[in-house]
């Protein structure tokens, strides 16, 4: 595994953890034994990426309607949302590949 790939995975995990903090806080309000699963982390990440995409769309629509003149900000938020989606898909693909590798292991 190359060092660049390792850095990308670590960055993706850091972003996933940051996006999952609201889910962790919600779980902390519940029973003390409630643990946040990987599925919860992934769901929080998907919600975060979806929220970024919706915000970018709203900013672009505001520029198109003439309500805002922040074209640069709208383009940056659009690029950020696109990069977040791409990174999420890369993490998903890595997880699927890892699960496939585990399935193929002979015991």
Protein backbone atom coordinates (compact mmCIF):
# COMPACT_ATOMS: atom_id res chain seq x y z
CA UNK A 1 0.00 0.00 0.00
CA UNK A 2 1.51 3.31 -1.02
CA UNK A 3 1.97 6.11 1.48
CA UNK A 4 -0.26 8.39 -0.59
CA UNK A 5 -3.10 5.86 -0.40
CA UNK A 6 -2.58 5.55 3.35
CA UNK A 7 -2.75 9.34 3.74
CA UNK A 8 -5.95 9.45 1.67
CA UNK A 9 -7.55 6.72 3.77
CA UNK A 10 -6.56 8.48 6.99
CA UNK A 11 -7.99 11.77 5.70
CA UNK A 12 -11.21 10.02 4.71
CA UNK A 13 -11.50 8.39 8.13
CA UNK A 14 -10.88 11.73 9.83
CA UNK A 15 -13.64 13.33 7.79
CA UNK A 16 -15.97 10.42 8.54
CA UNK A 17 -15.29 10.78 12.24
CA UNK A 18 -15.97 14.51 12.08
CA UNK A 19 -19.21 13.92 10.20
CA UNK A 20 -20.27 11.21 12.65
CA UNK A 21 -19.84 13.38 15.74
CA UNK A 22 -23.56 14.37 15.77
CA UNK A 23 -24.49 10.67 15.68
CA UNK A 24 -22.07 9.95 18.53
CA UNK A 25 -23.56 12.78 20.56
CA UNK A 26 -27.08 11.45 19.89
CA UNK A 27 -26.01 7.97 20.97
CA UNK A 28 -24.48 9.40 24.13
CA UNK A 29 -27.90 10.78 25.08
CA UNK A 30 -29.28 7.22 25.01
CA UNK A 31 -28.29 4.29 27.19
CA UNK A 32 -24.70 4.26 28.42
CA UNK A 33 -24.01 0.95 26.66
CA UNK A 34 -25.09 2.25 23.23
CA UNK A 35 -22.16 2.06 20.83
CA UNK A 36 -22.03 3.70 17.43
CA UNK A 37 -21.55 1.14 14.68
CA UNK A 38 -19.68 1.48 11.43
CA UNK A 39 -23.05 1.63 9.66
CA UNK A 40 -23.96 4.65 11.79
CA UNK A 41 -20.70 6.33 10.83
CA UNK A 42 -21.33 5.67 7.15
CA UNK A 43 -24.93 6.89 7.39
CA UNK A 44 -23.74 10.10 9.06
CA UNK A 45 -21.13 10.55 6.32
CA UNK A 46 -23.75 10.08 3.59
CA UNK A 47 -26.02 12.63 5.28
CA UNK A 48 -23.13 15.08 5.58
CA UNK A 49 -22.17 14.72 1.91
CA UNK A 50 -25.83 15.05 0.88
CA UNK A 51 -26.16 18.20 2.98
CA UNK A 52 -23.06 19.68 1.31
CA UNK A 53 -24.55 18.93 -2.11
CA UNK A 54 -27.86 20.54 -1.20
CA UNK A 55 -26.11 23.66 0.10
CA UNK A 56 -24.04 23.90 -3.08
CA UNK A 57 -27.17 23.56 -5.20
CA UNK A 58 -28.93 26.27 -3.18
CA UNK A 59 -25.97 28.64 -3.57
CA UNK A 60 -25.78 28.01 -7.33
CA UNK A 61 -29.54 28.53 -7.67
CA UNK A 62 -29.30 31.82 -5.74
CA UNK A 63 -26.60 33.02 -8.14
CA UNK A 64 -28.66 31.96 -11.15
CA UNK A 65 -31.74 33.79 -9.83
CA UNK A 66 -29.69 36.92 -9.21
CA UNK A 67 -30.25 36.82 -5.45
CA UNK A 68 -26.51 36.48 -4.80
CA UNK A 69 -23.41 37.72 -6.58
CA UNK A 70 -21.07 35.25 -4.83
CA UNK A 71 -20.26 33.15 -7.88
CA UNK A 72 -16.84 32.19 -6.55
CA UNK A 73 -18.30 30.97 -3.24
CA UNK A 74 -20.97 29.00 -5.07
CA UNK A 75 -18.40 27.38 -7.35
CA UNK A 76 -16.15 26.53 -4.40
CA UNK A 77 -19.01 24.92 -2.47
CA UNK A 78 -19.95 22.97 -5.59
CA UNK A 79 -16.38 21.71 -5.98
CA UNK A 80 -16.18 20.85 -2.28
CA UNK A 81 -19.41 18.86 -2.51
CA UNK A 82 -18.11 17.03 -5.58
CA UNK A 83 -14.83 16.19 -3.87
CA UNK A 84 -16.64 15.00 -0.75
CA UNK A 85 -18.81 12.73 -2.85
CA UNK A 86 -15.78 11.36 -4.70
CA UNK A 87 -13.96 10.70 -1.45
CA UNK A 88 -17.01 9.00 0.03
CA UNK A 89 -17.22 6.74 -3.01
CA UNK A 90 -13.51 5.90 -2.72
CA UNK A 91 -13.97 4.95 0.94
CA UNK A 92 -16.99 2.85 -0.01
CA UNK A 93 -15.02 1.09 -2.74
CA UNK A 94 -12.13 0.41 -0.34
CA UNK A 95 -14.52 -1.06 2.23
CA UNK A 96 -16.21 -3.25 -0.38
CA UNK A 97 -12.80 -4.44 -1.63
CA UNK A 98 -11.71 -5.21 1.94
CA UNK A 99 -14.88 -7.20 2.60
CA UNK A 100 -14.36 -9.10 -0.66
CA UNK A 101 -10.80 -9.90 0.42
CA UNK A 102 -12.05 -11.14 3.80
CA UNK A 103 -14.65 -13.32 2.12
CA UNK A 104 -11.98 -14.87 -0.10
CA UNK A 105 -9.71 -15.77 2.84
CA UNK A 106 -9.40 -19.47 3.42
CA UNK A 107 -9.67 -20.63 6.97
